Amino acid sequence: MLLALDIGNSNITIGSYEGEELVFTARMKTDRLRTENQYAIELLDILKLYIKKFTFSGAIISSVVPELTDIIGKAVTDVTACEPLYVGPGIKTGLSVSSHNAGEIGADLIAGAVGTAEKYPLPAFVIDLGTATKMYVISEKKEFVGGMIAPGIRISMDALAKECSQLPTVSLTAPKKTISLNTGECMRSGIVFGFASLIDGMLERFINEYGEVKSVIATGGLSKPIIKNCKAQIELNENLILDGLRAIYNKNK
């Protein structure tokens, strides 16, 4: 079995593969104060929850939290007895990067791009709605062309609740109408419909600059309630980064 982990700023997404089959997915909260042993204990508990008996032949990690990469890598080794492969410079991905700053591209974006190239017709636009809102382009020649980064949905919601004394924390459920009277519904309209409009608008700008594409895919933990309110036709794949990690591992094993 293969263990894949994507270390994000808010959550750590975990997946296990038996060949091409994704056996389970789970999430741990990203906590920069936790130790190697604490992460190992929680990871072991998660594995026992989903798999009665497990033996891993390999592990792979993508991380955008450098201070946790080694800590969680050691925890993975403690639990699986495998030295993990890390997505970073020198690893085989099958992608080319048309950028002078290739080293600045996040490991999660690389994994998502590889997952896209493996599973979808190219060229493609990818939308990743996590801690940050990210969109990027993969060319027909499997080039990472570039993209955009904006504040994430949860960051925006937390900022409203923190900085505006009379505004509450709200869910990501879409209200019945865009024009609302109730404060909570007004906020949900702004967040859900506002981010859906952001995505539609950026897709239009991407098309104007790059041209039409064959696939538009969305991923990330906050994608589902937003994407279904977009005008554009967007396919949701919540496991895109994990699938990319599996593909990268297979290219390097």
Protein backbone atom coordinates (compact mmCIF):
# COMPACT_ATOMS: atom_id res chain seq x y z
CA MET A 1 0.00 0.00 0.00
CA LEU A 2 0.99 3.62 -0.57
CA LEU A 3 0.41 6.38 1.97
CA ALA A 4 0.01 9.90 0.55
CA LEU A 5 -0.12 13.10 2.61
CA ASP A 6 -0.74 16.69 1.51
CA ILE A 7 0.32 19.09 4.28
CA GLY A 8 -1.67 22.31 3.92
CA ASN A 9 -1.87 25.41 6.08
CA SER A 10 -5.22 24.42 7.62
CA ASN A 11 -5.42 20.64 7.22
CA ILE A 12 -3.32 17.60 6.38
CA THR A 13 -5.10 15.39 3.86
CA ILE A 14 -4.28 11.69 4.07
CA GLY A 15 -4.96 9.00 1.50
CA SER A 16 -4.03 5.36 1.12
CA TYR A 17 -3.80 3.55 -2.22
CA GLU A 18 -3.89 -0.13 -3.05
CA GLY A 19 -2.55 -0.01 -6.59
CA GLU A 20 -4.71 2.55 -8.41
CA GLU A 21 -7.57 2.31 -5.91
CA LEU A 22 -7.99 4.98 -3.23
CA VAL A 23 -8.81 3.01 -0.07
CA PHE A 24 -9.69 5.92 2.20
CA THR A 25 -9.18 9.63 2.81
CA ALA A 26 -8.99 11.51 6.10
CA ARG A 27 -7.89 14.85 7.49
CA MET A 28 -5.83 16.02 10.43
CA LYS A 29 -5.71 19.62 11.62
CA THR A 30 -2.43 21.36 10.86
CA ASP A 31 -0.85 22.33 14.16
CA ARG A 32 2.65 23.82 14.06
CA LEU A 33 3.15 23.17 17.79
CA ARG A 34 2.66 19.42 17.71
CA THR A 35 5.56 17.00 17.96
CA GLU A 36 6.62 14.05 15.82
CA ASN A 37 5.21 11.63 18.42
CA GLN A 38 1.86 13.43 18.58
CA TYR A 39 1.46 13.30 14.82
CA ALA A 40 2.53 9.65 14.76
CA ILE A 41 -0.10 8.71 17.37
CA GLU A 42 -2.91 10.47 15.50
CA LEU A 43 -1.82 9.06 12.15
CA LEU A 44 -1.71 5.54 13.60
CA ASP A 45 -5.20 5.99 15.07
CA ILE A 46 -6.54 7.13 11.69
CA LEU A 47 -5.01 4.15 9.89
CA LYS A 48 -6.45 1.72 12.44
CA LEU A 49 -9.86 3.34 12.00
CA TYR A 50 -9.96 2.59 8.27
CA ILE A 51 -7.67 -0.44 7.84
CA LYS A 52 -7.61 -3.45 10.18
CA LYS A 53 -4.21 -4.67 9.03
CA PHE A 54 -1.84 -2.56 6.97
CA THR A 55 1.62 -2.87 5.47
CA PHE A 56 2.95 0.04 3.46
CA SER A 57 5.49 -0.27 0.67
CA GLY A 58 5.94 3.47 0.28
CA ALA A 59 4.87 6.99 1.25
CA ILE A 60 4.86 10.40 -0.44
CA ILE A 61 4.37 13.89 0.98
CA SER A 62 3.60 17.29 -0.50
CA SER A 63 3.91 20.21 1.90
CA VAL A 64 3.44 23.97 1.91
CA VAL A 65 4.32 24.17 5.62
CA PRO A 66 8.13 23.79 5.70
CA GLU A 67 8.38 23.80 9.50
CA LEU A 68 6.23 20.65 9.65
CA THR A 69 7.62 18.74 6.67
CA ASP A 70 10.39 16.90 8.53
CA ILE A 71 8.30 16.42 11.69
CA ILE A 72 5.46 14.75 9.83
CA GLY A 73 7.90 12.89 7.58
CA LYS A 74 9.48 11.30 10.66
CA ALA A 75 6.02 10.48 12.03
CA VAL A 76 5.18 8.73 8.75
CA THR A 77 8.40 6.70 9.00
CA ASP A 78 7.61 5.79 12.62
CA VAL A 79 4.18 4.47 11.62
CA THR A 80 4.87 2.87 8.22
CA ALA A 81 8.60 2.00 8.42
CA CYS A 82 8.91 3.76 5.03
CA GLU A 83 11.10 6.74 4.22
CA PRO A 84 8.70 9.13 2.45
CA LEU A 85 9.32 10.70 -0.93
CA TYR A 86 8.91 14.49 -0.94
CA VAL A 87 7.53 16.56 -3.80
CA GLY A 88 10.21 19.13 -4.52
CA PRO A 89 13.16 20.03 -6.76
CA GLY A 90 14.63 17.07 -8.61
CA ILE A 91 11.59 14.82 -8.36
CA LYS A 92 10.17 13.35 -11.58
CA THR A 93 6.69 14.72 -12.29
CA GLY A 94 6.25 14.54 -16.05
CA LEU A 95 5.51 18.29 -16.03
CA SER A 96 7.51 21.14 -17.47
CA VAL A 97 7.26 24.59 -15.89
CA SER A 98 7.27 27.65 -18.12
CA SER A 99 8.42 29.96 -15.34
CA HIS A 100 11.66 31.61 -14.23
CA ASN A 101 10.65 30.88 -10.64
CA ALA A 102 9.84 27.16 -10.84
CA GLY A 103 11.05 26.64 -7.27
CA GLU A 104 8.32 28.97 -5.98
CA ILE A 105 5.46 26.75 -7.17
CA GLY A 106 3.86 24.99 -4.21
CA ALA A 107 4.13 21.22 -3.94
CA ASP A 108 0.33 21.02 -3.72
CA LEU A 109 0.00 22.81 -7.07
CA ILE A 110 2.51 20.47 -8.67
CA ALA A 111 0.65 17.43 -7.33
CA GLY A 112 -2.70 18.83 -8.50
CA ALA A 113 -1.25 19.57 -11.93
CA VAL A 114 0.11 16.02 -12.24
CA GLY A 115 -3.24 14.59 -11.14
CA THR A 116 -4.94 16.72 -13.79
CA ALA A 117 -2.53 15.66 -16.54
CA GLU A 118 -3.01 11.99 -15.61
CA LYS A 119 -6.82 12.00 -15.57
CA TYR A 120 -8.20 14.78 -17.79
CA PRO A 121 -7.98 16.02 -21.38
CA LEU A 122 -5.55 18.93 -21.74
CA PRO A 123 -5.28 21.89 -21.77
CA ALA A 124 -7.03 22.40 -18.44
CA PHE A 125 -7.85 25.04 -15.86
CA VAL A 126 -7.61 23.93 -12.21
CA ILE A 127 -9.33 25.67 -9.29
CA ASP A 128 -8.05 24.86 -5.79
CA LEU A 129 -10.19 26.27 -2.98
CA GLY A 130 -8.26 25.69 0.23
CA THR A 131 -6.70 28.10 2.72
CA ALA A 132 -5.92 30.23 -0.33
CA THR A 133 -7.91 30.44 -3.56
CA LYS A 134 -5.69 29.27 -6.42
CA MET A 135 -6.29 28.84 -10.15
CA TYR A 136 -3.76 27.68 -12.72
CA VAL A 137 -3.35 26.44 -16.29
CA ILE A 138 -1.91 23.15 -17.57
CA SER A 139 -1.12 23.17 -21.29
CA GLU A 140 -1.65 20.39 -23.82
CA LYS A 141 2.10 19.68 -23.58
CA LYS A 142 1.83 19.18 -19.80
CA GLU A 143 3.35 22.57 -18.99
CA PHE A 144 2.50 24.37 -15.78
CA VAL A 145 1.77 27.70 -17.47
CA GLY A 146 0.92 29.83 -14.42
CA GLY A 147 -2.06 31.09 -12.50
CA MET A 148 -3.39 33.33 -9.72
CA ILE A 149 -3.67 33.35 -5.92
CA ALA A 150 -6.34 35.17 -3.88
CA PRO A 151 -7.45 35.10 -0.22
CA GLY A 152 -9.20 31.88 0.70
CA ILE A 153 -12.84 31.45 1.64
CA ARG A 154 -12.21 30.60 5.29
CA ILE A 155 -9.70 33.44 5.66
CA SER A 156 -12.30 35.88 4.32
CA MET A 157 -15.02 34.55 6.61
CA ASP A 158 -12.77 34.66 9.68
CA ALA A 159 -11.64 38.20 8.86
CA LEU A 160 -15.25 39.42 8.67
CA ALA A 161 -16.15 37.87 12.01
CA LYS A 162 -12.95 39.13 13.67
CA GLU A 163 -12.80 42.67 12.34
CA CYS A 164 -16.54 43.50 12.33
CA SER A 165 -18.00 43.33 15.83
CA GLN A 166 -21.61 42.79 14.77
CA LEU A 167 -20.96 40.15 12.10
CA PRO A 168 -21.25 36.48 13.10
CA THR A 169 -19.55 33.38 11.76
CA VAL A 170 -21.78 31.79 9.11
CA SER A 171 -21.98 28.53 7.16
CA LEU A 172 -21.18 28.09 3.48
CA THR A 173 -24.81 27.31 2.62
CA ALA A 174 -26.07 29.42 -0.28
CA PRO A 175 -29.03 31.68 0.57
CA LYS A 176 -32.20 31.59 -1.53
CA LYS A 177 -31.58 35.06 -2.95
CA THR A 178 -28.53 37.17 -3.71
CA ILE A 179 -30.22 40.30 -2.31
CA SER A 180 -30.90 39.53 1.34
CA LEU A 181 -32.16 41.37 4.42
CA ASN A 182 -30.97 39.09 7.20
CA THR A 183 -27.33 39.75 8.20
CA GLY A 184 -26.35 36.08 8.13
CA GLU A 185 -27.92 35.58 4.70
CA CYS A 186 -26.21 38.73 3.42
CA MET A 187 -22.87 37.30 4.52
CA ARG A 188 -23.59 33.91 2.98
CA SER A 189 -24.58 35.64 -0.25
CA GLY A 190 -21.34 37.59 -0.28
CA ILE A 191 -19.18 34.55 0.48
CA VAL A 192 -20.86 31.84 -1.62
CA PHE A 193 -22.07 33.90 -4.58
CA GLY A 194 -19.13 36.29 -4.32
CA PHE A 195 -16.52 33.53 -4.62
CA ALA A 196 -18.57 31.80 -7.34
CA SER A 197 -18.52 35.09 -9.26
CA LEU A 198 -14.78 35.43 -8.63
CA ILE A 199 -14.22 32.02 -10.18
CA ASP A 200 -16.50 32.71 -13.15
CA GLY A 201 -14.81 36.08 -13.73
CA MET A 202 -11.29 34.69 -13.49
CA LEU A 203 -12.16 31.81 -15.82
CA GLU A 204 -13.36 34.37 -18.36
CA ARG A 205 -10.08 36.27 -18.01
CA PHE A 206 -8.08 33.04 -18.29
CA ILE A 207 -9.90 32.16 -21.51
CA ASN A 208 -9.31 35.67 -22.90
CA GLU A 209 -5.56 35.35 -22.24
CA TYR A 210 -4.94 31.67 -22.87
CA GLY A 211 -7.83 30.41 -24.99
CA GLU A 212 -10.40 27.66 -24.56
CA VAL A 213 -9.55 24.49 -22.67
CA LYS A 214 -10.87 20.93 -22.66
CA SER A 215 -11.22 20.54 -18.88
CA VAL A 216 -12.04 22.74 -15.89
CA ILE A 217 -11.53 20.95 -12.57
CA ALA A 218 -12.04 22.10 -8.99
CA THR A 219 -10.50 20.64 -5.87
CA GLY A 220 -9.96 21.63 -2.25
CA GLY A 221 -11.94 21.17 0.93
CA LEU A 222 -14.20 24.19 0.37
CA SER A 223 -14.96 23.66 -3.32
CA LYS A 224 -18.30 21.86 -3.31
CA PRO A 225 -20.69 24.60 -2.06
CA ILE A 226 -19.00 27.22 -4.23
CA ILE A 227 -18.64 25.35 -7.51
CA LYS A 228 -22.30 24.36 -7.69
CA ASN A 229 -23.17 28.07 -7.73
CA CYS A 230 -20.83 28.92 -10.61
CA LYS A 231 -22.15 29.55 -14.11
CA ALA A 232 -19.20 27.73 -15.68
CA GLN A 233 -19.24 23.96 -16.13
CA ILE A 234 -16.71 22.72 -13.57
CA GLU A 235 -15.95 19.13 -12.57
CA LEU A 236 -15.33 18.54 -8.88
CA ASN A 237 -12.50 16.19 -7.86
CA GLU A 238 -11.83 16.39 -4.13
CA ASN A 239 -8.94 13.87 -4.38
CA LEU A 240 -7.03 15.50 -7.23
CA ILE A 241 -3.88 16.22 -5.19
CA LEU A 242 -3.81 12.73 -3.68
CA ASP A 243 -4.17 11.23 -7.17
CA GLY A 244 -1.29 13.42 -8.30
CA LEU A 245 0.85 12.23 -5.41
CA ARG A 246 0.17 8.62 -6.34
CA ALA A 247 1.17 9.33 -9.95
CA ILE A 248 4.36 11.12 -8.87
CA TYR A 249 5.30 8.23 -6.58
CA ASN A 250 4.85 5.75 -9.42
CA LYS A 251 7.11 7.87 -11.66
CA ASN A 252 9.87 7.83 -9.04
CA LYS A 253 9.68 4.46 -7.30
